N, C-alpha and C. Protein backbone atom coordinates (compact mmCIF):
# COMPACT_ATOMS: atom_id res chain seq x y z
N MET A 1 138.06 44.93 113.97
CA MET A 1 138.80 44.96 113.36
C MET A 1 138.57 45.87 112.29
N GLU A 2 140.49 45.78 112.27
CA GLU A 2 139.91 46.60 110.39
C GLU A 2 140.39 46.07 109.56
N HIS A 3 140.64 46.12 108.64
CA HIS A 3 140.67 45.30 107.14
C HIS A 3 140.97 46.35 105.54
N GLU A 4 142.15 46.42 104.94
CA GLU A 4 141.37 47.56 103.80
C GLU A 4 142.09 46.22 102.50
N MET A 5 142.22 46.61 101.38
CA MET A 5 142.18 46.24 100.38
C MET A 5 143.95 45.54 99.92
N ARG A 6 144.67 44.93 99.34
CA ARG A 6 145.43 45.31 98.71
C ARG A 6 146.04 44.32 97.43
N ALA A 7 146.55 44.87 96.64
CA ALA A 7 146.53 44.62 95.25
C ALA A 7 147.83 42.83 95.17
N GLU A 8 147.41 41.68 94.23
CA GLU A 8 148.62 40.58 93.37
C GLU A 8 148.72 40.72 92.51
N TYR A 9 149.89 40.84 92.03
CA TYR A 9 150.34 40.95 90.91
C TYR A 9 149.98 39.95 89.86
N GLU A 10 150.77 39.97 88.64
CA GLU A 10 151.77 39.00 88.02
C GLU A 10 153.09 38.35 88.73
N GLU A 11 152.83 37.08 88.09
CA GLU A 11 154.27 36.46 88.98
C GLU A 11 155.33 37.30 88.85
N GLY A 12 156.26 37.67 89.21
CA GLY A 12 157.69 38.34 88.80
C GLY A 12 157.15 39.57 88.20
N VAL A 13 156.06 40.37 88.50
CA VAL A 13 155.86 41.80 88.67
C VAL A 13 156.07 42.00 89.76
N LEU A 14 156.60 43.44 89.66
CA LEU A 14 157.22 44.61 91.01
C LEU A 14 155.86 45.63 91.64
N PRO A 15 155.75 45.37 92.66
CA PRO A 15 154.34 46.77 91.99
C PRO A 15 154.98 47.79 91.96
N HIS A 16 153.65 48.37 91.30
CA HIS A 16 154.11 50.19 90.17
C HIS A 16 153.46 50.49 90.44
N GLU A 17 153.13 52.34 90.81
CA GLU A 17 151.60 52.50 90.51
C GLU A 17 151.06 52.55 89.33
N ASP A 18 152.26 52.20 88.16
CA ASP A 18 150.91 51.73 87.16
C ASP A 18 151.13 50.08 86.58
N THR A 19 151.71 49.40 88.12
CA THR A 19 151.56 47.63 87.55
C THR A 19 149.92 47.50 87.52
N PRO A 20 149.37 47.43 86.77
CA PRO A 20 148.01 46.84 86.50
C PRO A 20 148.33 45.56 87.42
N VAL A 21 146.65 45.52 88.40
CA VAL A 21 146.25 44.58 89.54
C VAL A 21 145.74 43.44 88.60
N LYS A 22 146.13 42.10 89.21
CA LYS A 22 145.89 40.81 88.52
C LYS A 22 144.04 40.72 89.64
N LYS A 23 144.53 40.77 90.74
CA LYS A 23 143.21 40.61 91.85
C LYS A 23 143.09 41.71 93.57
N TRP A 24 142.50 42.16 93.53
CA TRP A 24 141.77 42.21 94.98
C TRP A 24 141.80 41.86 95.61
N HIS A 25 142.23 41.36 96.84
CA HIS A 25 142.46 40.86 98.67
C HIS A 25 141.89 41.89 99.48
N MET A 26 141.22 40.86 100.22
CA MET A 26 140.79 41.35 101.73
C MET A 26 142.20 41.14 102.82
N THR A 27 142.64 42.32 103.81
CA THR A 27 143.20 41.74 104.11
C THR A 27 143.06 42.83 105.92
N ARG A 28 143.72 42.22 106.98
CA ARG A 28 143.91 43.37 108.02
C ARG A 28 144.65 44.72 107.89
N VAL A 29 144.44 45.73 108.22
CA VAL A 29 145.15 46.45 108.61
C VAL A 29 147.37 45.90 108.84
N GLY A 30 147.32 46.58 107.18
CA GLY A 30 149.14 46.21 107.35
C GLY A 30 149.95 45.44 107.45
N ALA A 31 148.57 44.43 106.84
CA ALA A 31 148.64 42.36 107.25
C ALA A 31 149.76 42.32 104.98
N THR A 32 150.61 41.92 105.44
CA THR A 32 150.59 40.73 104.11
C THR A 32 149.60 39.50 103.11
N THR A 33 150.05 39.09 104.04
CA THR A 33 148.93 38.18 103.60
C THR A 33 147.40 38.42 103.69
N ALA A 34 146.37 37.44 102.71
CA ALA A 34 145.30 37.82 102.40
C ALA A 34 144.30 36.80 103.74
N MET A 35 142.66 37.55 103.27
CA MET A 35 142.33 36.29 103.95
C MET A 35 141.89 35.36 103.85
N CYS A 36 142.19 35.36 102.06
CA CYS A 36 142.57 33.47 101.76
C CYS A 36 143.72 33.16 102.08
N GLY A 37 144.56 33.64 102.11
CA GLY A 37 146.14 33.11 103.11
C GLY A 37 147.24 33.42 102.08
N GLN A 38 147.03 34.51 100.55
CA GLN A 38 147.49 34.68 99.28
C GLN A 38 148.92 35.29 100.07
N PRO A 39 149.53 35.07 100.01
CA PRO A 39 150.97 35.89 100.17
C PRO A 39 151.02 37.48 99.18
N LEU A 40 151.15 38.85 99.66
CA LEU A 40 150.59 40.23 98.96
C LEU A 40 152.00 40.90 99.56
N ALA A 41 152.62 41.31 98.15
CA ALA A 41 153.64 42.21 98.66
C ALA A 41 153.70 43.34 99.67
N PRO A 42 154.68 43.32 100.93
CA PRO A 42 154.92 44.49 101.97
C PRO A 42 154.38 45.98 100.58
N ALA A 43 154.74 46.23 99.29
CA ALA A 43 155.36 47.50 98.81
C ALA A 43 153.48 47.49 97.93
N ALA A 44 152.62 46.45 97.63
CA ALA A 44 151.37 46.34 97.35
C ALA A 44 150.60 47.63 97.06
N ALA A 45 149.73 48.58 96.25
CA ALA A 45 149.08 48.90 96.63
C ALA A 45 148.24 48.48 97.06
N THR A 46 147.11 49.78 98.02
CA THR A 46 146.64 49.63 98.81
C THR A 46 144.66 49.99 98.81
N GLN A 47 143.90 49.67 99.60
CA GLN A 47 142.70 50.27 99.53
C GLN A 47 142.23 50.12 100.78
N THR A 48 140.79 51.59 101.00
CA THR A 48 140.10 50.95 101.97
C THR A 48 138.94 50.19 101.93
N ALA A 49 138.67 49.83 102.52
CA ALA A 49 137.57 48.48 103.02
C ALA A 49 136.22 49.05 102.75
N GLY A 50 136.17 50.02 102.13
CA GLY A 50 135.28 51.10 101.89
C GLY A 50 135.18 50.71 100.02
N GLN A 51 135.76 50.87 99.69
CA GLN A 51 136.90 50.17 98.49
C GLN A 51 135.17 49.28 98.16
N TRP A 52 135.62 48.41 98.61
CA TRP A 52 135.03 46.57 98.63
C TRP A 52 133.36 47.10 97.78
N GLY A 53 133.51 46.21 96.59
CA GLY A 53 132.45 45.88 96.02
C GLY A 53 131.58 47.12 94.54
N THR A 54 132.65 48.31 95.28
CA THR A 54 132.50 48.92 93.85
C THR A 54 133.58 48.18 92.53
N ALA A 55 133.63 49.42 91.56
CA ALA A 55 134.18 49.22 90.61
C ALA A 55 135.58 49.10 90.74
N LYS A 56 136.76 49.86 91.50
CA LYS A 56 137.84 49.99 91.92
C LYS A 56 138.64 48.82 92.94
N ALA A 57 137.85 48.02 93.46
CA ALA A 57 137.61 46.87 93.66
C ALA A 57 137.91 45.54 92.80
N GLN A 58 137.70 45.94 91.72
CA GLN A 58 137.07 45.24 91.02
C GLN A 58 138.67 44.60 89.83
N PRO A 59 138.67 43.25 89.34
CA PRO A 59 138.79 42.17 90.38
C PRO A 59 139.20 41.90 91.31
N PHE A 60 138.12 41.32 91.98
CA PHE A 60 138.37 40.82 93.71
C PHE A 60 138.12 39.00 93.88
N CYS A 61 139.10 38.66 94.94
CA CYS A 61 139.52 37.68 95.37
C CYS A 61 138.04 37.41 95.85
N ARG A 62 136.81 36.32 95.68
CA ARG A 62 136.10 35.40 95.32
C ARG A 62 136.48 34.52 97.29
N THR A 63 137.50 34.48 97.48
CA THR A 63 137.10 33.88 98.91
C THR A 63 137.30 35.23 100.42
N CYS A 64 138.32 36.09 99.94
CA CYS A 64 138.29 36.87 100.50
C CYS A 64 137.19 37.74 100.74
N GLY A 65 136.01 38.03 99.71
CA GLY A 65 135.23 38.54 99.51
C GLY A 65 134.29 37.54 101.11
N VAL A 66 134.12 36.29 100.46
CA VAL A 66 133.55 35.42 101.40
C VAL A 66 133.41 35.24 102.38
N MET A 67 134.90 35.74 103.17
CA MET A 67 135.52 35.31 104.85
C MET A 67 135.53 36.95 105.26
N TYR A 68 135.91 37.78 104.49
CA TYR A 68 135.22 39.30 105.16
C TYR A 68 133.75 39.67 104.81
N LEU A 69 132.34 39.11 104.49
CA LEU A 69 131.83 38.89 104.99
C LEU A 69 131.42 38.19 105.89
N GLU A 70 131.81 36.87 106.10
CA GLU A 70 131.25 36.53 107.61
C GLU A 70 132.11 37.49 108.93
N GLU A 71 133.07 38.26 108.63
CA GLU A 71 133.31 39.04 109.38
C GLU A 71 132.45 40.46 109.70
N HIS A 72 131.93 41.72 108.70
CA HIS A 72 131.29 41.67 108.36
C HIS A 72 129.83 41.45 107.84
N PRO A 73 128.94 41.47 108.50
CA PRO A 73 127.68 41.08 107.60
C PRO A 73 126.87 42.07 106.99
N GLN A 74 127.29 43.47 108.03
CA GLN A 74 126.41 44.24 107.77
C GLN A 74 126.63 44.74 106.42
N ASP A 75 127.85 44.70 106.08
CA ASP A 75 128.35 45.21 104.93
C ASP A 75 127.47 44.96 103.41
N THR A 76 126.00 43.73 103.97
CA THR A 76 125.33 43.39 102.29
C THR A 76 124.29 44.20 102.61
N ASP A 77 124.48 45.38 103.25
CA ASP A 77 123.04 46.35 103.26
C ASP A 77 123.35 47.02 102.10
């Protein structure tokens, strides 16, 4: 299953390329609901799942991280 990271922003803030990210979440590619259940804006910034665990993915949703690792245990190596 393919995944990507999608940004969450402060409430009432519209996504824009220079809008600060409140938290990164893991989603299935193209989805607007995070693995933790958080709804995310369709226009929110995305990153590849390969950025997970790097400084570019901070701050990251802890719940999404746990759920992602359950599906991809090989990514802990």
